[in-house]
Amino acid sequence: MGSLTLVKPNLHLVDVAERRMLFHVPTSSLFELDTLGRELIELFSSETEVSALQIRDRFDGRFSAGDVVDTLEELKTLKVIAEAGTWAQINNEPKPVKQFPLTTIVLNTNTGCNLSCTYCYKEDLTTPSKGDKMSFDTAVQSVEMMLKESPDQRQYNVVFFGGEPLTNMPLIRNVVAYCEERFATLEAEVSFTMTTNATMLNEELVDWFNEHRFGLTISMDGPKAMHDKNRITVGGQGTYDVVKQKAQMLLSRYTARPIGCRVTLTRGITDVEAIFDHLYHDLGFSEVGFGPVTSGDITSFNLTAEEMVEVFAGMKRLGRKYLAAALEGKNLGFGNMHMLMTDIHEGNKKQLPCGAGVGLLAVDTKGGVNLCHRFTGSDQPLFGDVSEGLDKPALAEFIETRLDRSDTGCETCRIRNICSGGCYHESYAKYGDATVPSYHYCDLLRDWVDFGVEAYTRIMIENPGFFEAHVSPRRSA
């Protein structure tokens, strides 16, 4: 055996309750190191190269030679240790992208919205009466494009977005009727999802959504003072009172699926604990997720670096409450934490930050194909249209560029397979290029994932049944 060396980008060590855990970066898996494994990692961490003689001197008489060899081979298989002077693979070589297995299509039902939220990222936003509404033919072509690209799947998802999707309810009703009949003939399941500001909800609509088992998410930013700061009407009035009333009505009647809430955090609004307590405990949403604004077009709404530190500190405090609940077998509906636990539990190895461009595409009102709903109306080039089909060469070039981590900060980052370079739209807004990783809060994200690994380990040690009870069913749903 020649000299060996530690492949540092492929592991991250976390100590939890006197246990040393190895987070295996390439697979997002977590291993508990025994005494031999721990001492081997310590030896390799202290030396640039380690010889067979050094290993014998360290372990002879304390561990059997067979155990030492077996453990070394396991670490070599994991690409945590490699022969000195050889290149140990850190990332898989990006492969050509030829297929786009679409199972989710996002329909931009109307560019118009009945609100005028100050921070809205939608470049094409207009009032409902002046908005461009998607036609039924365009929606049908969108669904058929999805089926053409990914036939014979068992489940599909149609997402209604805007503007405000409720401003084009006739289209939504017609698309649901079409899809339910169309997918039934294929013996496939179709689900429907929508994000709404809730102001146009009424009991009849709620009951109709319930009948068709919509997955509904409400956009709401917290208690009245926080919500009304940015989520306003065209006339400049706050919308908290009406949204609260509509949300309470929805939550009291809706039984098909849990109702989530999506919070946008902007400059001056960083108290995630107060926001969560109000939306989760006072109003009763089943889950609350936070989206910090860091690279919006209107820079005055972007969180400052100091505010981002506050936000992540608050998220970690909420995360500790999530952990405490999990240890008691309860699921606290903190969406960001729950997603992190899901990624770690499933050993998710994300080469891309999300399904946009591969499993998900968004269609604008004129039939143009976009990476996701956040790009409709932007200057980002389209990737085809629903009448002519996907521009596969252009889409493949984009995805392959993002898959190639060489010469980027992601190449050796320990959270590269969880973060995967960050949101395409954030990169587009921050750097003018959606293929560039989002570098502007990497350190905070690394700390957040480290926190998640520690929390996950404690749950696995003290109450492993939590994942079977609360993580796996959520993913299946």
Protein backbone atom coordinates (compact mmCIF):
# COMPACT_ATOMS: atom_id res chain seq x y z
CA MET A 1 0.00 0.00 0.00
CA GLY A 2 1.37 3.40 -0.98
CA SER A 3 0.74 6.61 0.90
CA LEU A 4 -2.87 7.68 1.34
CA THR A 5 -4.46 11.10 1.67
CA LEU A 6 -7.73 12.51 2.96
CA VAL A 7 -10.20 13.82 0.35
CA LYS A 8 -11.43 16.71 2.46
CA PRO A 9 -14.17 17.96 0.09
CA ASN A 10 -15.97 14.62 0.44
CA LEU A 11 -16.59 14.67 4.17
CA HIS A 12 -17.65 16.90 6.99
CA LEU A 13 -17.38 15.92 10.67
CA VAL A 14 -20.06 16.77 13.21
CA ASP A 15 -19.95 16.00 16.93
CA VAL A 16 -23.28 15.22 18.56
CA ALA A 17 -23.62 14.09 22.18
CA GLU A 18 -20.11 12.61 22.28
CA ARG A 19 -20.69 10.85 18.96
CA ARG A 20 -18.59 11.72 15.95
CA MET A 21 -20.66 11.73 12.79
CA LEU A 22 -19.30 11.75 9.24
CA PHE A 23 -21.48 13.60 6.75
CA HIS A 24 -20.64 12.00 3.42
CA VAL A 25 -20.89 14.89 0.98
CA PRO A 26 -21.15 12.95 -2.33
CA THR A 27 -24.27 11.08 -1.18
CA SER A 28 -25.62 13.44 1.53
CA SER A 29 -25.50 10.43 3.86
CA LEU A 30 -24.63 10.36 7.54
CA PHE A 31 -22.45 7.75 9.27
CA GLU A 32 -21.47 7.32 12.88
CA LEU A 33 -17.76 6.68 13.21
CA ASP A 34 -16.62 3.96 15.59
CA THR A 35 -13.41 4.40 17.58
CA LEU A 36 -11.23 3.01 14.78
CA GLY A 37 -12.87 5.09 12.10
CA ARG A 38 -12.67 8.21 14.24
CA GLU A 39 -8.97 7.74 14.93
CA LEU A 40 -8.22 7.03 11.28
CA ILE A 41 -9.91 10.26 10.23
CA GLU A 42 -8.01 12.14 12.96
CA LEU A 43 -4.71 10.72 11.69
CA PHE A 44 -5.44 11.63 8.09
CA SER A 45 -6.67 15.10 9.11
CA SER A 46 -3.34 15.83 10.77
CA GLU A 47 -1.12 14.68 7.90
CA THR A 48 -0.94 15.59 4.22
CA GLU A 49 -0.07 11.98 3.41
CA VAL A 50 -0.16 8.88 5.59
CA SER A 51 2.07 5.84 5.01
CA ALA A 52 1.48 2.20 5.90
CA LEU A 53 4.19 2.53 8.55
CA GLN A 54 2.39 5.43 10.22
CA ILE A 55 -0.82 3.42 10.29
CA ARG A 56 0.96 0.42 11.85
CA ASP A 57 2.64 2.60 14.46
CA ARG A 58 -0.69 4.19 15.38
CA PHE A 59 -2.89 1.09 15.53
CA ASP A 60 -0.65 -2.00 15.98
CA GLY A 61 -1.65 -3.87 19.13
CA ARG A 62 -4.81 -1.81 19.58
CA PHE A 63 -6.87 -2.99 16.60
CA SER A 64 -6.51 -6.08 14.44
CA ALA A 65 -4.81 -5.60 11.09
CA GLY A 66 -7.90 -6.97 9.38
CA ASP A 67 -10.18 -4.38 10.99
CA VAL A 68 -7.82 -1.56 10.03
CA VAL A 69 -7.64 -2.76 6.43
CA ASP A 70 -11.42 -3.21 6.23
CA THR A 71 -12.09 0.28 7.58
CA LEU A 72 -9.55 1.83 5.20
CA GLU A 73 -11.20 0.04 2.28
CA GLU A 74 -14.61 1.33 3.34
CA LEU A 75 -13.28 4.88 3.48
CA LYS A 76 -11.62 4.43 0.09
CA THR A 77 -14.90 3.13 -1.37
CA LEU A 78 -16.60 6.27 -0.07
CA LYS A 79 -13.81 8.33 -1.71
CA VAL A 80 -13.02 9.81 1.68
CA ILE A 81 -9.47 8.43 1.46
CA ALA A 82 -7.53 7.99 -1.77
CA GLU A 83 -4.08 7.01 -2.96
CA ALA A 84 -1.73 9.98 -2.63
CA GLY A 85 -0.86 11.54 -5.97
CA THR A 86 -4.02 10.29 -7.66
CA TRP A 87 -7.08 12.32 -8.37
CA ALA A 88 -9.98 11.33 -6.16
CA GLN A 89 -13.27 12.03 -7.83
CA ILE A 90 -15.18 14.74 -6.01
CA ASN A 91 -18.09 15.17 -8.39
CA ASN A 92 -19.54 13.02 -11.09
CA GLU A 93 -18.62 14.20 -14.55
CA PRO A 94 -21.64 16.01 -16.02
CA LYS A 95 -23.34 13.94 -18.68
CA PRO A 96 -25.08 15.25 -21.79
CA VAL A 97 -28.72 16.07 -21.12
CA LYS A 98 -30.97 14.57 -23.77
CA GLN A 99 -34.25 13.92 -22.00
CA PHE A 100 -36.54 16.22 -20.05
CA PRO A 101 -38.84 14.02 -17.97
CA LEU A 102 -41.50 16.62 -17.27
CA THR A 103 -44.00 15.69 -14.61
CA THR A 104 -44.89 19.24 -13.50
CA ILE A 105 -46.12 22.06 -15.71
CA VAL A 106 -46.73 25.56 -14.34
CA LEU A 107 -49.42 27.58 -16.09
CA ASN A 108 -49.21 31.36 -15.81
CA THR A 109 -52.95 31.92 -15.87
CA ASN A 110 -52.85 35.73 -15.93
CA THR A 111 -50.13 38.35 -15.77
CA GLY A 112 -52.58 40.49 -13.83
CA CYS A 113 -52.95 40.67 -10.07
CA ASN A 114 -55.51 42.41 -7.89
CA LEU A 115 -52.77 43.45 -5.46
CA SER A 116 -49.70 45.62 -5.90
CA CYS A 117 -47.14 44.09 -3.55
CA THR A 118 -44.15 46.38 -3.47
CA TYR A 119 -41.50 43.67 -3.68
CA CYS A 120 -43.06 41.52 -6.38
CA TYR A 121 -40.46 40.03 -8.73
CA LYS A 122 -42.89 39.66 -11.62
CA GLU A 123 -41.58 41.76 -14.48
CA ASP A 124 -44.87 41.47 -16.39
CA LEU A 125 -47.23 42.28 -13.52
CA THR A 126 -50.32 44.31 -14.36
CA THR A 127 -53.77 44.87 -12.92
CA PRO A 128 -56.20 42.01 -13.67
CA SER A 129 -58.20 43.94 -16.23
CA LYS A 130 -55.07 44.74 -18.24
CA GLY A 131 -53.35 41.42 -17.73
CA ASP A 132 -52.68 38.87 -20.44
CA LYS A 133 -54.74 35.79 -19.72
CA MET A 134 -53.74 32.32 -20.84
CA SER A 135 -56.14 30.72 -23.30
CA PHE A 136 -57.56 27.25 -22.85
CA ASP A 137 -55.84 26.10 -26.06
CA THR A 138 -52.44 27.20 -24.71
CA ALA A 139 -53.09 25.39 -21.44
CA VAL A 140 -54.06 22.20 -23.26
CA GLN A 141 -50.96 22.41 -25.45
CA SER A 142 -48.89 22.80 -22.27
CA VAL A 143 -50.35 19.65 -20.74
CA GLU A 144 -49.89 17.71 -23.98
CA MET A 145 -46.27 18.87 -24.22
CA MET A 146 -45.67 17.48 -20.75
CA LEU A 147 -47.22 14.15 -21.73
CA LYS A 148 -45.20 14.02 -24.92
CA GLU A 149 -41.93 14.53 -23.05
CA SER A 150 -42.72 12.07 -20.27
CA PRO A 151 -45.32 9.48 -21.26
CA ASP A 152 -46.25 6.53 -19.07
CA GLN A 153 -45.61 8.25 -15.74
CA ARG A 154 -47.88 7.41 -12.84
CA GLN A 155 -48.23 10.92 -11.40
CA TYR A 156 -48.28 14.42 -12.86
CA ASN A 157 -48.78 17.87 -11.38
CA VAL A 158 -50.38 20.97 -12.89
CA VAL A 159 -49.58 24.23 -11.10
CA PHE A 160 -51.66 27.39 -11.50
CA PHE A 161 -49.72 30.60 -11.01
CA GLY A 162 -49.90 34.30 -11.83
CA GLY A 163 -50.12 37.29 -11.23
CA GLU A 164 -53.01 36.09 -9.15
CA PRO A 165 -54.34 32.80 -10.56
CA LEU A 166 -57.83 33.34 -9.14
CA THR A 167 -58.31 36.20 -11.62
CA ASN A 168 -58.68 33.55 -14.34
CA MET A 169 -60.90 30.97 -12.66
CA PRO A 170 -62.74 30.01 -15.88
CA LEU A 171 -59.45 28.73 -17.28
CA ILE A 172 -58.63 26.83 -14.08
CA ARG A 173 -62.04 25.11 -14.06
CA ASN A 174 -61.73 24.12 -17.71
CA VAL A 175 -58.15 22.84 -17.33
CA VAL A 176 -59.08 20.75 -14.30
CA ALA A 177 -61.98 19.18 -16.18
CA TYR A 178 -59.77 18.46 -19.18
CA CYS A 179 -56.94 16.99 -17.10
CA GLU A 180 -59.12 14.78 -14.96
CA GLU A 181 -60.62 13.18 -18.06
CA ARG A 182 -57.36 13.08 -20.02
CA PHE A 183 -55.24 11.51 -17.30
CA ALA A 184 -57.95 9.01 -16.38
CA THR A 185 -57.74 7.58 -19.91
CA LEU A 186 -54.00 7.12 -19.34
CA GLU A 187 -54.57 5.46 -15.95
CA ALA A 188 -52.37 8.16 -14.42
CA GLU A 189 -52.94 10.48 -11.48
CA VAL A 190 -52.92 14.25 -11.78
CA SER A 191 -52.73 16.68 -8.88
CA PHE A 192 -53.34 20.42 -8.90
CA THR A 193 -51.38 23.05 -7.00
CA MET A 194 -51.86 26.78 -6.60
CA THR A 195 -50.33 29.69 -4.74
CA THR A 196 -52.76 32.54 -4.09
CA ASN A 197 -52.96 35.79 -2.14
CA ALA A 198 -56.34 34.51 -0.84
CA THR A 199 -58.19 37.81 -1.25
CA MET A 200 -60.59 36.43 -3.89
CA LEU A 201 -61.45 33.20 -2.09
CA ASN A 202 -65.03 32.47 -1.16
CA GLU A 203 -66.83 29.44 0.26
CA GLU A 204 -67.95 28.16 -3.14
CA LEU A 205 -64.40 28.29 -4.50
CA VAL A 206 -62.96 26.64 -1.41
CA ASP A 207 -65.44 23.78 -1.68
CA TRP A 208 -64.61 23.35 -5.37
CA PHE A 209 -60.88 23.25 -4.62
CA ASN A 210 -61.61 20.74 -1.87
CA GLU A 211 -63.54 18.54 -4.28
CA HIS A 212 -60.58 18.48 -6.66
CA ARG A 213 -58.00 18.10 -3.88
CA PHE A 214 -55.91 21.16 -4.71
CA GLY A 215 -52.63 21.71 -2.92
CA LEU A 216 -53.02 25.30 -1.75
CA THR A 217 -50.39 27.72 -0.47
CA ILE A 218 -51.29 31.18 0.80
CA SER A 219 -48.92 34.12 0.45
CA MET A 220 -48.92 35.97 3.77
CA ASP A 221 -46.11 37.81 5.52
CA GLY A 222 -47.03 37.61 9.20
CA PRO A 223 -48.81 39.83 11.73
CA LYS A 224 -50.64 42.91 10.49
CA ALA A 225 -47.81 45.45 10.71
CA MET A 226 -45.40 43.17 8.82
CA HIS A 227 -47.88 41.97 6.23
CA ASP A 228 -49.28 45.41 5.46
CA LYS A 229 -45.82 46.89 4.93
CA ASN A 230 -45.56 45.39 1.44
CA ARG A 231 -48.67 43.37 0.59
CA ILE A 232 -50.98 46.19 -0.46
CA THR A 233 -53.79 46.91 -2.88
CA VAL A 234 -53.39 48.92 -6.06
CA GLY A 235 -54.70 51.87 -4.02
CA GLY A 236 -52.01 51.40 -1.38
CA GLN A 237 -54.12 49.87 1.38
CA GLY A 238 -52.89 47.00 3.54
CA THR A 239 -54.47 43.60 2.92
CA TYR A 240 -53.89 41.82 6.23
CA ASP A 241 -57.48 42.03 7.50
CA VAL A 242 -59.02 40.54 4.37
CA VAL A 243 -56.33 37.89 3.96
CA LYS A 244 -56.69 36.84 7.60
CA GLN A 245 -60.45 36.52 7.24
CA LYS A 246 -60.17 34.53 4.01
CA ALA A 247 -57.44 32.31 5.40
CA GLN A 248 -59.47 31.51 8.51
CA MET A 249 -62.46 30.64 6.35
CA LEU A 250 -60.28 28.41 4.17
CA LEU A 251 -58.65 26.66 7.12
CA SER A 252 -62.03 26.01 8.75
CA ARG A 253 -63.56 24.37 5.64
CA TYR A 254 -60.71 22.73 3.75
CA THR A 255 -60.14 19.04 4.40
CA ALA A 256 -58.48 17.63 1.26
CA ARG A 257 -54.85 18.52 2.02
CA PRO A 258 -52.88 20.58 4.54
CA ILE A 259 -52.71 24.32 3.84
CA GLY A 260 -49.28 25.93 3.83
CA CYS A 261 -48.15 29.53 4.02
CA ARG A 262 -45.30 31.15 2.13
CA VAL A 263 -43.59 34.18 3.71
CA THR A 264 -41.43 36.66 1.83
CA LEU A 265 -38.78 38.28 4.00
CA THR A 266 -37.65 41.73 2.88
CA ARG A 267 -35.52 44.51 4.33
CA GLY A 268 -36.70 45.43 7.79
CA ILE A 269 -38.64 42.18 8.30
CA THR A 270 -36.44 39.55 9.91
CA ASP A 271 -38.29 38.27 12.99
CA VAL A 272 -39.04 34.79 11.68
CA GLU A 273 -40.04 33.53 15.14
CA ALA A 274 -42.78 36.13 15.60
CA ILE A 275 -44.02 35.56 12.05
CA PHE A 276 -44.05 31.78 12.49
CA ASP A 277 -45.83 31.96 15.83
CA HIS A 278 -48.59 34.11 14.35
CA LEU A 279 -49.13 32.12 11.17
CA TYR A 280 -48.70 28.66 12.67
CA HIS A 281 -50.03 28.96 16.21
CA ASP A 282 -52.52 31.84 15.92
CA LEU A 283 -53.94 31.30 12.42
CA GLY A 284 -53.36 27.57 12.15
CA PHE A 285 -51.48 27.00 8.88
CA SER A 286 -50.09 23.46 8.76
CA GLU A 287 -46.69 24.60 7.55
CA VAL A 288 -44.89 27.93 7.20
CA GLY A 289 -41.92 28.43 4.89
CA PHE A 290 -39.68 31.48 4.51
CA GLY A 291 -38.20 32.95 1.35
CA PRO A 292 -35.57 35.63 2.06
CA VAL A 293 -35.23 38.26 -0.66
CA THR A 294 -31.52 38.70 -1.35
CA SER A 295 -31.30 39.63 -5.01
CA GLY A 296 -34.51 41.26 -6.16
CA ASP A 297 -34.56 43.80 -8.95
CA ILE A 298 -35.62 46.50 -6.49
CA THR A 299 -32.53 46.55 -4.29
CA SER A 300 -34.21 48.53 -1.52
CA PHE A 301 -36.17 45.39 -0.61
CA ASN A 302 -33.17 43.07 -0.49
CA LEU A 303 -32.11 41.96 2.98
CA THR A 304 -28.77 43.40 4.04
CA ALA A 305 -25.90 41.11 5.01
CA GLU A 306 -26.55 41.89 8.68
CA GLU A 307 -30.25 41.11 8.27
CA MET A 308 -29.46 37.78 6.61
CA VAL A 309 -27.43 36.87 9.70
CA GLU A 310 -30.48 37.75 11.83
CA VAL A 311 -32.76 35.68 9.62
CA PHE A 312 -30.61 32.56 9.80
CA ALA A 313 -30.15 32.99 13.55
CA GLY A 314 -33.93 33.11 13.89
CA MET A 315 -34.31 30.07 11.66
CA LYS A 316 -31.90 28.14 13.86
CA ARG A 317 -33.88 29.13 16.97
CA LEU A 318 -37.02 27.87 15.23
CA GLY A 319 -35.07 24.80 14.19
CA ARG A 320 -34.31 24.02 17.83
CA LYS A 321 -38.05 24.15 18.56
CA TYR A 322 -38.61 21.82 15.62
CA LEU A 323 -35.98 19.49 17.08
CA ALA A 324 -37.56 19.55 20.53
CA ALA A 325 -40.94 18.70 19.03
CA ALA A 326 -39.46 15.92 16.89
CA LEU A 327 -37.87 14.31 19.93
CA GLU A 328 -41.39 14.15 21.39
CA GLY A 329 -42.76 12.65 18.16
CA LYS A 330 -44.43 15.86 16.99
CA ASN A 331 -44.00 17.68 13.70
CA LEU A 332 -43.65 21.44 14.03
CA GLY A 333 -44.65 22.89 10.67
CA PHE A 334 -41.44 24.79 9.92
CA GLY A 335 -41.13 24.22 6.18
CA ASN A 336 -37.46 25.14 5.71
CA MET A 337 -36.35 22.79 8.49
CA HIS A 338 -38.60 19.99 7.34
CA MET A 339 -37.21 20.19 3.81
CA LEU A 340 -33.66 20.06 5.14
CA MET A 341 -34.51 17.00 7.27
CA THR A 342 -36.08 15.35 4.21
CA ASP A 343 -32.99 15.96 2.06
CA ILE A 344 -30.68 14.47 4.68
CA HIS A 345 -32.97 11.56 5.53
CA GLU A 346 -33.38 10.55 1.91
CA GLY A 347 -29.71 11.05 1.16
CA ASN A 348 -30.67 13.42 -1.63
CA LYS A 349 -27.78 14.09 -3.96
CA LYS A 350 -28.95 17.10 -5.89
CA GLN A 351 -26.93 17.87 -8.96
CA LEU A 352 -29.34 20.75 -9.63
CA PRO A 353 -31.01 23.06 -7.10
CA CYS A 354 -34.55 22.14 -8.15
CA GLY A 355 -36.51 20.43 -10.90
CA ALA A 356 -36.77 23.56 -13.05
CA GLY A 357 -35.71 22.91 -16.62
CA VAL A 358 -35.81 19.13 -16.24
CA GLY A 359 -38.85 17.86 -14.35
CA LEU A 360 -40.65 21.21 -14.27
CA LEU A 361 -41.19 23.99 -16.78
CA ALA A 362 -43.44 27.04 -16.77
CA VAL A 363 -45.56 28.32 -19.64
CA ASP A 364 -46.38 32.01 -19.99
CA THR A 365 -49.68 33.35 -21.26
CA LYS A 366 -48.48 33.33 -24.88
CA GLY A 367 -47.21 29.75 -24.71
CA GLY A 368 -43.52 30.49 -24.19
CA VAL A 369 -41.57 27.89 -22.22
CA ASN A 370 -39.64 29.22 -19.21
CA LEU A 371 -37.37 27.58 -16.63
CA CYS A 372 -39.93 28.21 -13.89
CA HIS A 373 -42.75 30.58 -12.95
CA ARG A 374 -40.30 33.21 -11.70
CA PHE A 375 -38.91 33.74 -15.20
CA THR A 376 -42.16 34.43 -17.06
CA GLY A 377 -42.03 37.96 -18.43
CA SER A 378 -38.28 38.30 -17.84
CA ASP A 379 -35.51 38.85 -20.38
CA GLN A 380 -34.25 35.29 -19.90
CA PRO A 381 -34.48 33.60 -23.33
CA LEU A 382 -37.33 31.14 -23.80
CA PHE A 383 -36.76 27.45 -24.27
CA GLY A 384 -39.32 26.91 -26.99
CA ASP A 385 -43.09 27.23 -27.03
CA VAL A 386 -45.97 24.83 -26.59
CA SER A 387 -46.99 24.87 -30.25
CA GLU A 388 -43.52 24.03 -31.62
CA GLY A 389 -42.18 22.13 -28.59
CA LEU A 390 -39.08 22.44 -26.45
CA ASP A 391 -35.87 23.98 -27.69
CA LYS A 392 -33.97 20.98 -26.39
CA PRO A 393 -30.47 22.06 -27.52
CA ALA A 394 -30.80 25.39 -25.70
CA LEU A 395 -32.29 23.83 -22.59
CA ALA A 396 -29.65 21.09 -22.56
CA GLU A 397 -26.87 23.66 -22.86
CA PHE A 398 -28.26 25.59 -19.89
CA ILE A 399 -28.63 22.52 -17.68
CA GLU A 400 -25.22 21.12 -18.65
CA THR A 401 -23.59 24.46 -17.83
CA ARG A 402 -25.12 24.41 -14.36
CA LEU A 403 -24.18 20.75 -13.87
CA ASP A 404 -20.52 21.52 -14.55
CA ARG A 405 -19.11 22.58 -11.19
CA SER A 406 -15.50 22.76 -12.27
CA ASP A 407 -13.82 26.08 -11.55
CA THR A 408 -16.73 27.20 -9.36
CA GLY A 409 -16.99 27.64 -5.61
CA CYS A 410 -19.38 24.69 -5.59
CA GLU A 411 -16.77 22.22 -6.78
CA THR A 412 -15.41 21.40 -3.31
CA CYS A 413 -18.13 22.88 -1.09
CA ARG A 414 -19.40 20.49 1.58
CA ILE A 415 -23.07 21.37 0.90
CA ARG A 416 -22.74 21.16 -2.86
CA ASN A 417 -25.26 18.33 -3.14
CA ILE A 418 -27.87 20.00 -0.94
CA CYS A 419 -27.62 23.63 -2.07
CA SER A 420 -26.50 22.76 -5.62
CA GLY A 421 -25.58 26.33 -6.41
CA GLY A 422 -28.82 27.97 -5.33
CA CYS A 423 -31.91 29.32 -7.06
CA TYR A 424 -31.64 30.06 -10.79
CA HIS A 425 -33.73 33.20 -10.49
CA GLU A 426 -31.66 34.57 -7.63
CA SER A 427 -28.56 34.14 -9.78
CA TYR A 428 -30.32 35.76 -12.71
CA ALA A 429 -31.42 38.73 -10.59
CA LYS A 430 -28.08 39.08 -8.80
CA TYR A 431 -25.61 38.44 -11.63
CA GLY A 432 -27.68 38.60 -14.79
CA ASP A 433 -26.84 34.96 -15.48
CA ALA A 434 -29.00 32.08 -14.23
CA THR A 435 -26.16 29.58 -14.70
CA VAL A 436 -23.89 31.27 -12.12
CA PRO A 437 -24.12 29.87 -8.56
CA SER A 438 -25.58 32.14 -5.89
CA TYR A 439 -22.47 32.95 -3.87
CA HIS A 440 -23.77 35.81 -1.75
CA TYR A 441 -24.74 33.84 1.38
CA CYS A 442 -22.81 30.58 1.08
CA ASP A 443 -21.35 30.76 4.59
CA LEU A 444 -24.79 31.14 6.13
CA LEU A 445 -26.12 28.21 4.14
CA ARG A 446 -23.18 26.03 5.18
CA ASP A 447 -23.85 26.86 8.82
CA TRP A 448 -27.57 26.12 8.32
CA VAL A 449 -26.84 22.70 6.82
CA ASP A 450 -24.34 21.93 9.60
CA PHE A 451 -27.09 22.76 12.08
CA GLY A 452 -29.45 20.46 10.19
CA VAL A 453 -26.99 17.57 10.25
CA GLU A 454 -26.63 17.92 14.02
CA ALA A 455 -30.41 18.09 14.51
CA TYR A 456 -30.96 15.11 12.22
CA THR A 457 -28.40 13.06 14.15
CA ARG A 458 -30.09 13.77 17.46
CA ILE A 459 -33.48 12.75 16.08
CA MET A 460 -32.01 9.54 14.64
CA ILE A 461 -30.40 8.70 17.97
CA GLU A 462 -33.28 9.63 20.27
CA ASN A 463 -36.46 9.19 18.20
CA PRO A 464 -35.85 7.60 14.77
CA GLY A 465 -39.55 6.80 14.38
CA PHE A 466 -40.15 10.51 13.70
CA PHE A 467 -39.00 10.12 10.11
CA GLU A 468 -41.28 7.19 9.38
CA ALA A 469 -44.20 9.04 10.94
CA HIS A 470 -43.69 12.54 9.55
CA VAL A 471 -41.08 12.72 6.77
CA SER A 472 -41.91 9.76 4.53
CA PRO A 473 -45.71 10.38 4.50
CA ARG A 474 -45.18 14.03 3.62
CA ARG A 475 -42.97 13.12 0.66
CA SER A 476 -45.48 10.54 -0.55
CA ALA A 477 -48.29 13.10 -0.37
